[in-house]
Amino acid sequence: MDEVAEQQAEQNNQPSYWPSVGIAGVIFGIIVFALSLVTGYTMINSEPTGSLFSPVQIILWVTVCLVGAFGGMLAIWHYANEYDISIKLGKGALIGLFTGVCLALVTVLLNQLWQVIDPDMTQKMIDSTIANFEAADLPDAQKQQMIDSTVQSMRNQNSIGKQLLYNLPMYGILNVITGMIGAKVFGKQEE
């Protein structure tokens, strides 16, 4: 019984991880937002090829996801460096989850602000996608169906709710994983 009480007292004395979560979430939120802009404008300025996705677009979207995943690791590194404490896997996962949530919120906020700066970006992306579908060698009925569903989906992606519905689970889960990895790599080992 004394051991359980000692562990609870030790957990209550641990410093807050929220500053580390905030720093990593904001830094990686800005980076992910910037990379997403590059990806979007690359799509807008590319020539229609007729393929659904170009290799460059796929590489850029995968890069955005992978870069966003390392927010949890940065938060753990900062927390462990700042306080020189041991971090269990569960706490690493929790810090990673909160970092992913913060990252997603920052990204959605910046996306909404960007809509004020360039309100035509979504329409430009829709036009680029339509041009790409029209260049495809598909029957007209199938082309029109693909265009209609894609346009509807792209217009819906501008809502804050849809962005959060997509970003929160994706960056939350990815950062849970990197938070646990960070806990193993950067956390002081318990004796």
Protein backbone atom coordinates (compact mmCIF):
# COMPACT_ATOMS: atom_id res chain seq x y z
CA MET A 1 0.00 0.00 0.00
CA ASP A 2 2.87 2.38 0.74
CA GLU A 3 4.31 1.83 -2.73
CA VAL A 4 1.04 2.91 -4.39
CA ALA A 5 0.90 6.05 -2.22
CA GLU A 6 4.52 6.86 -3.11
CA GLN A 7 3.78 6.51 -6.84
CA GLN A 8 0.74 8.79 -6.58
CA ALA A 9 2.75 11.40 -4.64
CA GLU A 10 5.50 11.20 -7.28
CA GLN A 11 2.98 11.68 -10.11
CA ASN A 12 1.46 14.70 -8.35
CA ASN A 13 4.91 16.31 -8.09
CA GLN A 14 5.70 15.95 -11.79
CA PRO A 15 5.89 19.21 -13.72
CA SER A 16 3.27 20.14 -16.28
CA TYR A 17 3.76 18.92 -19.83
CA TRP A 18 1.39 21.53 -21.31
CA PRO A 19 4.12 24.03 -22.27
CA SER A 20 5.89 21.28 -24.23
CA VAL A 21 2.61 20.25 -25.86
CA GLY A 22 1.85 23.85 -26.84
CA ILE A 23 5.31 24.56 -28.23
CA ALA A 24 5.45 21.37 -30.31
CA GLY A 25 1.82 21.70 -31.44
CA VAL A 26 2.27 25.28 -32.63
CA ILE A 27 5.63 24.63 -34.33
CA PHE A 28 4.42 21.54 -36.18
CA GLY A 29 1.02 23.10 -36.88
CA ILE A 30 2.76 25.94 -38.72
CA ILE A 31 5.06 23.54 -40.57
CA VAL A 32 2.18 21.26 -41.61
CA PHE A 33 0.13 24.27 -42.72
CA ALA A 34 3.03 25.62 -44.81
CA LEU A 35 3.65 22.23 -46.43
CA SER A 36 -0.08 21.87 -47.13
CA LEU A 37 -0.03 25.25 -48.88
CA VAL A 38 2.91 24.15 -51.01
CA THR A 39 1.04 20.96 -51.87
CA GLY A 40 -2.15 22.85 -52.73
CA TYR A 41 -0.44 25.41 -54.92
CA THR A 42 1.60 22.67 -56.60
CA MET A 43 -1.67 20.99 -57.49
CA ILE A 44 -3.14 24.27 -58.78
CA ASN A 45 -0.13 25.07 -60.95
CA SER A 46 0.43 21.60 -62.38
CA GLU A 47 -0.56 20.72 -65.91
CA PRO A 48 -3.52 18.34 -66.28
CA THR A 49 -2.19 14.85 -66.86
CA GLY A 50 -5.39 12.84 -66.84
CA SER A 51 -4.28 10.71 -63.89
CA LEU A 52 -6.18 10.97 -60.63
CA PHE A 53 -3.06 11.73 -58.58
CA SER A 54 0.39 12.70 -59.73
CA PRO A 55 3.42 11.14 -58.03
CA VAL A 56 4.49 14.61 -56.85
CA GLN A 57 1.13 15.16 -55.13
CA ILE A 58 1.29 11.80 -53.40
CA ILE A 59 4.85 12.40 -52.21
CA LEU A 60 3.93 15.87 -50.92
CA TRP A 61 0.82 14.63 -49.03
CA VAL A 62 2.77 11.75 -47.48
CA THR A 63 5.51 14.19 -46.48
CA VAL A 64 2.95 16.47 -44.81
CA CYS A 65 1.58 13.54 -42.79
CA LEU A 66 5.01 12.25 -41.79
CA VAL A 67 6.27 15.68 -40.77
CA GLY A 68 3.12 16.25 -38.72
CA ALA A 69 3.67 12.96 -36.93
CA PHE A 70 6.87 14.14 -35.27
CA GLY A 71 5.21 16.78 -33.11
CA GLY A 72 4.77 14.20 -30.35
CA MET A 73 8.44 13.37 -30.40
CA LEU A 74 9.41 17.05 -30.17
CA ALA A 75 7.05 17.54 -27.22
CA ILE A 76 8.59 14.58 -25.39
CA TRP A 77 12.11 15.78 -26.18
CA HIS A 78 11.32 19.25 -24.86
CA TYR A 79 9.60 17.91 -21.73
CA ALA A 80 12.37 15.43 -20.95
CA ASN A 81 15.09 18.02 -21.65
CA GLU A 82 13.39 20.70 -19.58
CA TYR A 83 12.79 18.61 -16.45
CA ASP A 84 15.15 15.60 -16.75
CA ILE A 85 12.48 13.11 -15.68
CA SER A 86 11.47 9.60 -16.58
CA ILE A 87 8.52 9.29 -18.96
CA LYS A 88 6.47 6.13 -19.17
CA LEU A 89 5.01 4.97 -22.49
CA GLY A 90 1.47 5.87 -21.40
CA LYS A 91 2.47 9.42 -20.52
CA GLY A 92 4.38 9.67 -23.80
CA ALA A 93 1.25 8.57 -25.65
CA LEU A 94 -0.86 11.11 -23.77
CA ILE A 95 1.57 13.96 -24.49
CA GLY A 96 1.67 12.85 -28.15
CA LEU A 97 -2.13 12.80 -28.34
CA PHE A 98 -2.45 16.29 -26.89
CA THR A 99 0.29 17.52 -29.23
CA GLY A 100 -1.60 16.05 -32.22
CA VAL A 101 -4.79 17.78 -31.08
CA CYS A 102 -2.95 21.10 -30.68
CA LEU A 103 -1.29 20.65 -34.09
CA ALA A 104 -4.67 19.93 -35.71
CA LEU A 105 -6.27 22.99 -34.09
CA VAL A 106 -3.41 25.26 -35.20
CA THR A 107 -3.57 23.88 -38.74
CA VAL A 108 -7.34 24.35 -38.98
CA LEU A 109 -7.08 27.88 -37.59
CA LEU A 110 -4.36 28.80 -40.09
CA ASN A 111 -6.38 27.23 -42.94
CA GLN A 112 -9.34 29.39 -41.99
CA LEU A 113 -7.15 32.49 -41.88
CA TRP A 114 -5.71 31.58 -45.28
CA GLN A 115 -9.22 31.55 -46.72
CA VAL A 116 -9.30 35.28 -45.93
CA ILE A 117 -5.94 35.86 -47.65
CA ASP A 118 -6.72 33.74 -50.72
CA PRO A 119 -10.47 33.09 -50.82
CA ASP A 120 -10.20 31.65 -54.35
CA MET A 121 -7.76 28.87 -53.46
CA THR A 122 -10.46 26.22 -53.08
CA GLN A 123 -12.03 27.19 -56.39
CA LYS A 124 -8.60 27.08 -58.06
CA MET A 125 -8.05 23.58 -56.67
CA ILE A 126 -11.48 22.53 -57.91
CA ASP A 127 -10.75 23.94 -61.37
CA SER A 128 -7.39 22.15 -61.47
CA THR A 129 -9.03 18.87 -60.44
CA ILE A 130 -11.76 19.25 -63.07
CA ALA A 131 -9.15 19.96 -65.76
CA ASN A 132 -7.27 16.85 -64.67
CA PHE A 133 -10.40 14.68 -64.83
CA GLU A 134 -11.34 16.09 -68.23
CA ALA A 135 -7.90 15.13 -69.55
CA ALA A 136 -8.46 11.55 -68.39
CA ASP A 137 -9.42 8.90 -70.92
CA LEU A 138 -12.73 7.93 -69.30
CA PRO A 139 -16.33 7.72 -70.50
CA ASP A 140 -18.16 11.04 -70.18
CA ALA A 141 -20.72 9.76 -67.64
CA GLN A 142 -17.99 8.42 -65.36
CA LYS A 143 -15.98 11.63 -65.75
CA GLN A 144 -18.97 13.76 -64.78
CA GLN A 145 -19.76 11.58 -61.78
CA MET A 146 -16.15 11.83 -60.56
CA ILE A 147 -16.12 15.60 -61.09
CA ASP A 148 -19.40 16.09 -59.21
CA SER A 149 -18.37 13.98 -56.20
CA THR A 150 -14.90 15.53 -56.02
CA VAL A 151 -16.22 19.10 -56.26
CA GLN A 152 -18.75 18.40 -53.50
CA SER A 153 -16.09 16.85 -51.30
CA MET A 154 -13.62 19.72 -51.85
CA ARG A 155 -16.24 22.34 -51.02
CA ASN A 156 -17.13 20.50 -47.82
CA GLN A 157 -13.49 20.34 -46.74
CA ASN A 158 -13.46 24.07 -46.04
CA SER A 159 -15.72 23.74 -43.01
CA ILE A 160 -14.01 23.77 -39.65
CA GLY A 161 -15.91 20.66 -38.58
CA LYS A 162 -14.79 18.59 -41.58
CA GLN A 163 -11.17 19.73 -41.17
CA LEU A 164 -11.21 18.79 -37.48
CA LEU A 165 -12.93 15.48 -38.23
CA TYR A 166 -10.08 14.62 -40.60
CA ASN A 167 -7.11 16.19 -38.78
CA LEU A 168 -7.80 15.30 -35.14
CA PRO A 169 -7.78 11.51 -35.49
CA MET A 170 -4.99 11.47 -38.07
CA TYR A 171 -2.53 13.69 -36.18
CA GLY A 172 -3.71 12.40 -32.81
CA ILE A 173 -2.94 8.78 -33.67
CA LEU A 174 0.33 9.56 -35.45
CA ASN A 175 1.55 11.64 -32.52
CA VAL A 176 0.53 8.99 -29.97
CA ILE A 177 2.95 6.66 -31.75
CA THR A 178 5.79 9.20 -31.93
CA GLY A 179 5.09 10.25 -28.33
CA MET A 180 5.67 6.66 -27.20
CA ILE A 181 8.81 6.43 -29.32
CA GLY A 182 9.98 9.74 -27.84
CA ALA A 183 9.33 8.47 -24.31
CA LYS A 184 11.63 5.51 -25.00
CA VAL A 185 14.30 7.58 -26.75
CA PHE A 186 14.37 10.80 -24.72
CA GLY A 187 12.89 9.90 -21.32
CA LYS A 188 15.31 9.22 -18.48
CA GLN A 189 15.19 5.52 -17.67
CA GLU A 190 13.68 4.61 -14.30
CA GLU A 191 15.98 2.86 -11.88
